[in-house]
C-alpha atoms as a PDB file:
ATOM      1  CA  MET A   1     -16.956-289.905 -54.134  1.00  0.00           C
ATOM      2  CA  LEU A   2     -15.713-286.892 -56.086  1.00  0.00           C
ATOM      3  CA  LEU A   3     -18.242-285.330 -58.416  1.00  0.00           C
ATOM      4  CA  LYS A   4     -17.406-283.611 -61.675  1.00  0.00           C
ATOM      5  CA  PRO A   5     -18.080-279.850 -61.795  1.00  0.00           C
ATOM      6  CA  GLU A   6     -21.098-280.406 -64.062  1.00  0.00           C
ATOM      7  CA  GLU A   7     -22.521-282.891 -61.563  1.00  0.00           C
ATOM      8  CA  ILE A   8     -22.017-280.442 -58.699  1.00  0.00           C
ATOM      9  CA  TYR A   9     -23.732-277.710 -60.709  1.00  0.00           C
ATOM     10  CA  THR A  10     -26.695-280.023 -61.321  1.00  0.00           C
ATOM     11  CA  LYS A  11     -26.750-281.136 -57.689  1.00  0.00           C
ATOM     12  CA  PHE A  12     -26.737-277.538 -56.408  1.00  0.00           C
ATOM     13  CA  ASN A  13     -29.628-276.653 -58.707  1.00  0.00           C
ATOM     14  CA  GLU A  14     -31.720-279.748 -58.005  1.00  0.00           C
ATOM     15  CA  GLU A  15     -31.203-280.525 -54.312  1.00  0.00           C
ATOM     16  CA  ASN A  16     -33.298-278.482 -51.907  1.00  0.00           C
ATOM     17  CA  ILE A  17     -32.676-277.432 -48.354  1.00  0.00           C
ATOM     18  CA  GLN A  18     -35.031-275.827 -45.881  1.00  0.00           C
ATOM     19  CA  VAL A  19     -34.172-272.551 -44.191  1.00  0.00           C
ATOM     20  CA  ILE A  20     -36.145-271.120 -41.294  1.00  0.00           C
ATOM     21  CA  ILE A  21     -36.578-267.367 -41.635  1.00  0.00           C
ATOM     22  CA  PRO A  22     -37.948-265.119 -38.898  1.00  0.00           C
ATOM     23  CA  LYS A  23     -41.136-263.582 -40.311  1.00  0.00           C
ATOM     24  CA  LYS A  24     -40.000-260.083 -39.320  1.00  0.00           C
ATOM     25  CA  LEU A  25     -37.001-260.359 -41.681  1.00  0.00           C
ATOM     26  CA  LEU A  26     -38.951-261.283 -44.814  1.00  0.00           C
ATOM     27  CA  PHE A  27     -39.555-257.764 -46.071  1.00  0.00           C
ATOM     28  CA  THR A  28     -35.963-256.706 -45.325  1.00  0.00           C
ATOM     29  CA  LEU A  29     -34.607-259.752 -47.165  1.00  0.00           C
ATOM     30  CA  LEU A  30     -36.959-259.114 -50.069  1.00  0.00           C
ATOM     31  CA  GLN A  31     -35.688-255.524 -50.352  1.00  0.00           C
ATOM     32  CA  GLN A  32     -32.083-256.726 -50.219  1.00  0.00           C
ATOM     33  CA  VAL A  33     -32.618-259.408 -52.883  1.00  0.00           C
ATOM     34  CA  ASP A  34     -34.389-256.876 -55.094  1.00  0.00           C
ATOM     35  CA  ARG A  35     -31.488-254.441 -54.765  1.00  0.00           C
ATOM     36  CA  LEU A  36     -29.003-257.235 -55.538  1.00  0.00           C
ATOM     37  CA  ARG A  37     -30.990-258.217 -58.633  1.00  0.00           C
ATOM     38  CA  GLU A  38     -31.076-254.600 -59.753  1.00  0.00           C
ATOM     39  CA  ILE A  39     -27.300-254.238 -59.368  1.00  0.00           C
ATOM     40  CA  LEU A  40     -26.665-257.523 -61.168  1.00  0.00           C
ATOM     41  CA  GLY A  41     -29.021-256.458 -63.939  1.00  0.00           C
ATOM     42  CA  ASN A  42     -26.789-253.461 -64.586  1.00  0.00           C
ATOM     43  CA  GLU A  43     -23.792-255.801 -64.855  1.00  0.00           C
ATOM     44  CA  GLU A  44     -25.707-258.134 -67.164  1.00  0.00           C
ATOM     45  CA  GLU A  45     -25.962-255.377 -69.758  1.00  0.00           C
ATOM     46  CA  ILE A  46     -22.194-254.821 -69.662  1.00  0.00           C
ATOM     47  CA  VAL A  47     -20.852-258.371 -69.305  1.00  0.00           C
ATOM     48  CA  ASN A  48     -22.059-261.467 -71.148  1.00  0.00           C
ATOM     49  CA  ASN A  49     -21.312-263.857 -68.309  1.00  0.00           C
ATOM     50  CA  PHE A  50     -23.023-267.118 -67.373  1.00  0.00           C
ATOM     51  CA  ALA A  51     -22.251-266.602 -63.671  1.00  0.00           C
ATOM     52  CA  ILE A  52     -24.153-263.302 -63.649  1.00  0.00           C
ATOM     53  CA  TYR A  53     -27.123-264.856 -65.470  1.00  0.00           C
ATOM     54  CA  GLU A  54     -27.115-267.745 -63.022  1.00  0.00           C
ATOM     55  CA  TYR A  55     -26.882-265.460 -59.997  1.00  0.00           C
ATOM     56  CA  ILE A  56     -29.713-263.254 -61.328  1.00  0.00           C
ATOM     57  CA  GLY A  57     -31.892-266.320 -61.928  1.00  0.00           C
ATOM     58  CA  ASN A  58     -31.325-267.575 -58.399  1.00  0.00           C
ATOM     59  CA  ALA A  59     -31.965-264.112 -56.942  1.00  0.00           C
ATOM     60  CA  GLU A  60     -35.247-263.897 -58.880  1.00  0.00           C
ATOM     61  CA  MET A  61     -36.336-267.306 -57.579  1.00  0.00           C
ATOM     62  CA  LEU A  62     -35.541-266.165 -54.032  1.00  0.00           C
ATOM     63  CA  MET A  63     -37.674-263.067 -54.580  1.00  0.00           C
ATOM     64  CA  VAL A  64     -40.626-265.143 -55.745  1.00  0.00           C
ATOM     65  CA  LYS A  65     -40.319-267.462 -52.757  1.00  0.00           C
ATOM     66  CA  LEU A  66     -40.024-264.539 -50.325  1.00  0.00           C
ATOM     67  CA  TYR A  67     -43.128-262.888 -51.852  1.00  0.00           C
ATOM     68  CA  ILE A  68     -45.042-266.119 -51.320  1.00  0.00           C
ATOM     69  CA  LEU A  69     -43.821-266.425 -47.734  1.00  0.00           C
ATOM     70  CA  ILE A  70     -44.862-262.862 -46.914  1.00  0.00           C
ATOM     71  CA  ALA A  71     -48.449-264.008 -47.514  1.00  0.00           C
ATOM     72  CA  GLU A  72     -48.154-266.722 -44.843  1.00  0.00           C
ATOM     73  CA  PRO A  73     -50.512-266.339 -41.851  1.00  0.00           C
ATOM     74  CA  TYR A  74     -49.589-263.395 -39.652  1.00  0.00           C
ATOM     75  CA  ASN A  75     -49.483-265.296 -36.387  1.00  0.00           C
ATOM     76  CA  LYS A  76     -46.325-267.182 -37.374  1.00  0.00           C
ATOM     77  CA  LYS A  77     -43.012-265.992 -35.989  1.00  0.00           C
ATOM     78  CA  GLU A  78     -41.011-268.049 -38.480  1.00  0.00           C
ATOM     79  CA  VAL A  79     -41.512-269.386 -41.969  1.00  0.00           C
ATOM     80  CA  ILE A  80     -39.689-272.115 -43.857  1.00  0.00           C
ATOM     81  CA  ILE A  81     -38.287-271.458 -47.299  1.00  0.00           C
ATOM     82  CA  GLU A  82     -37.286-274.391 -49.450  1.00  0.00           C
ATOM     83  CA  THR A  83     -34.463-273.416 -51.780  1.00  0.00           C
ATOM     84  CA  SER A  84     -31.989-275.110 -54.013  1.00  0.00           C
ATOM     85  CA  ILE A  85     -28.424-275.061 -52.756  1.00  0.00           C
ATOM     86  CA  ALA A  86     -27.601-272.558 -55.525  1.00  0.00           C
ATOM     87  CA  GLU A  87     -30.356-270.217 -54.297  1.00  0.00           C
ATOM     88  CA  PHE A  88     -29.162-270.715 -50.731  1.00  0.00           C
ATOM     89  CA  LEU A  89     -25.671-269.583 -51.765  1.00  0.00           C
ATOM     90  CA  VAL A  90     -27.166-266.332 -53.080  1.00  0.00           C
ATOM     91  CA  LEU A  91     -29.099-265.891 -49.828  1.00  0.00           C
ATOM     92  CA  ARG A  92     -25.970-266.614 -47.809  1.00  0.00           C
ATOM     93  CA  ASP A  93     -23.918-264.096 -49.788  1.00  0.00           C
ATOM     94  CA  LEU A  94     -26.612-261.486 -49.337  1.00  0.00           C
ATOM     95  CA  VAL A  95     -26.944-262.006 -45.583  1.00  0.00           C
ATOM     96  CA  PHE A  96     -23.169-262.243 -45.165  1.00  0.00           C
ATOM     97  CA  CYS A  97     -22.535-258.958 -47.015  1.00  0.00           C
ATOM     98  CA  ASN A  98     -25.376-257.071 -45.387  1.00  0.00           C
ATOM     99  CA  TYR A  99     -24.359-258.097 -41.891  1.00  0.00           C
ATOM    100  CA  SER A 100     -20.573-258.310 -42.016  1.00  0.00           C
ATOM    101  CA  LEU A 101     -20.037-254.901 -43.641  1.00  0.00           C
ATOM    102  CA  PRO A 102     -20.475-252.294 -40.861  1.00  0.00           C
ATOM    103  CA  HIS A 103     -22.016-249.583 -43.065  1.00  0.00           C
ATOM    104  CA  LEU A 104     -24.644-252.026 -44.378  1.00  0.00           C
ATOM    105  CA  ARG A 105     -25.328-253.486 -40.925  1.00  0.00           C
ATOM    106  CA  GLU A 106     -25.948-249.983 -39.554  1.00  0.00           C
ATOM    107  CA  GLU A 107     -28.640-249.441 -42.182  1.00  0.00           C
ATOM    108  CA  LEU A 108     -30.705-252.195 -40.568  1.00  0.00           C
ATOM    109  CA  ARG A 109     -33.434-250.947 -38.270  1.00  0.00           C
ATOM    110  CA  PRO A 110     -32.402-251.361 -34.635  1.00  0.00           C
ATOM    111  CA  SER A 111     -35.567-253.375 -33.996  1.00  0.00           C
ATOM    112  CA  ILE A 112     -34.419-256.152 -36.357  1.00  0.00           C
ATOM    113  CA  ARG A 113     -30.626-255.964 -35.990  1.00  0.00           C
ATOM    114  CA  LYS A 114     -30.480-258.693 -33.289  1.00  0.00           C
ATOM    115  CA  THR A 115     -32.830-260.954 -35.244  1.00  0.00           C
ATOM    116  CA  TYR A 116     -30.710-260.395 -38.361  1.00  0.00           C
ATOM    117  CA  LYS A 117     -27.534-261.259 -36.404  1.00  0.00           C
ATOM    118  CA  ASP A 118     -29.132-264.499 -35.208  1.00  0.00           C
ATOM    119  CA  PHE A 119     -30.237-265.283 -38.774  1.00  0.00           C
ATOM    120  CA  TYR A 120     -26.723-264.514 -40.024  1.00  0.00           C
ATOM    121  CA  ASP A 121     -25.293-267.024 -37.500  1.00  0.00           C
ATOM    122  CA  TYR A 122     -27.906-269.603 -38.525  1.00  0.00           C
ATOM    123  CA  ILE A 123     -27.129-269.158 -42.253  1.00  0.00           C
ATOM    124  CA  GLN A 124     -23.396-269.439 -41.578  1.00  0.00           C
ATOM    125  CA  GLY A 125     -24.039-272.683 -39.707  1.00  0.00           C
ATOM    126  CA  ILE A 126     -25.874-274.148 -42.702  1.00  0.00           C
ATOM    127  CA  PHE A 127     -23.160-272.908 -45.055  1.00  0.00           C
ATOM    128  CA  GLU A 128     -20.459-274.596 -42.962  1.00  0.00           C
ATOM    129  CA  MET A 129     -22.254-277.933 -43.407  1.00  0.00           C
ATOM    130  CA  LEU A 130     -21.725-277.788 -47.176  1.00  0.00           C
ATOM    131  CA  GLU A 131     -18.635-279.391 -48.652  1.00  0.00           C
ATOM    132  CA  VAL A 132     -16.071-276.626 -49.193  1.00  0.00           C
ATOM    133  CA  ASP A 133     -14.641-278.334 -52.274  1.00  0.00           C
ATOM    134  CA  GLU A 134     -18.090-278.673 -53.841  1.00  0.00           C
ATOM    135  CA  VAL A 135     -18.933-275.011 -53.217  1.00  0.00           C
ATOM    136  CA  LYS A 136     -15.625-273.963 -54.777  1.00  0.00           C
ATOM    137  CA  ALA A 137     -16.180-276.296 -57.751  1.00  0.00           C
ATOM    138  CA  TYR A 138     -19.696-274.872 -58.236  1.00  0.00           C
ATOM    139  CA  TRP A 139     -18.452-271.260 -58.280  1.00  0.00           C
ATOM    140  CA  ASP A 140     -15.522-272.159 -60.532  1.00  0.00           C
ATOM    141  CA  PHE A 141     -17.859-273.963 -62.926  1.00  0.00           C
ATOM    142  CA  ILE A 142     -20.301-271.074 -63.355  1.00  0.00           C
ATOM    143  CA  LYS A 143     -17.536-268.447 -63.487  1.00  0.00           C
ATOM    144  CA  ASN A 144     -15.611-270.281 -66.171  1.00  0.00           C
ATOM    145  CA  TYR A 145     -18.501-271.481 -68.321  1.00  0.00           C
ATOM    146  CA  GLN A 146     -18.522-269.863 -71.747  1.00  0.00           C
ATOM    147  CA  ILE A 147     -21.542-268.654 -73.687  1.00  0.00           C
ATOM    148  CA  GLU A 148     -21.006-268.585 -77.435  1.00  0.00           C
ATOM    149  CA  GLY A 149     -23.734-267.946 -79.969  1.00  0.00           C
ATOM    150  CA  GLY A 150     -26.412-268.228 -77.294  1.00  0.00           C
ATOM    151  CA  MET A 151     -25.262-271.741 -76.364  1.00  0.00           C
ATOM    152  CA  LEU A 152     -23.339-272.866 -73.319  1.00  0.00           C
ATOM    153  CA  GLN A 153     -19.927-274.283 -74.154  1.00  0.00           C
END
């Protein structure tokens, strides 16, 4: 069954998935999401774009969830984050960029680089389970949505 772009957008914002995160990566991921949000915030001032607002909102939700998970009991090696598919796409982009670009990967502490690589592989595996056409339709929908007079068109 083919969904309309609006239906895919709704689905990606309402359906949750669980992602297992190694506890030792939480602070690193939190720093990376915060930096991403900061960079996007600079763009938000320049460009009135629904996709940027959406991405910032999902990044902020990820930050809140990561803050909560940092408070989990210390004896856990892994924690589970429940995110919407839209938030997962932000997390995937973040992990993909920070690991696949050599200069960013080298900034990772050597003690967590292997764990981050394993997490990168895990995230890519989840991403590959999503329908490629739906992911493309979701991105196309938020990139092409117009905001006029404070209302979505």
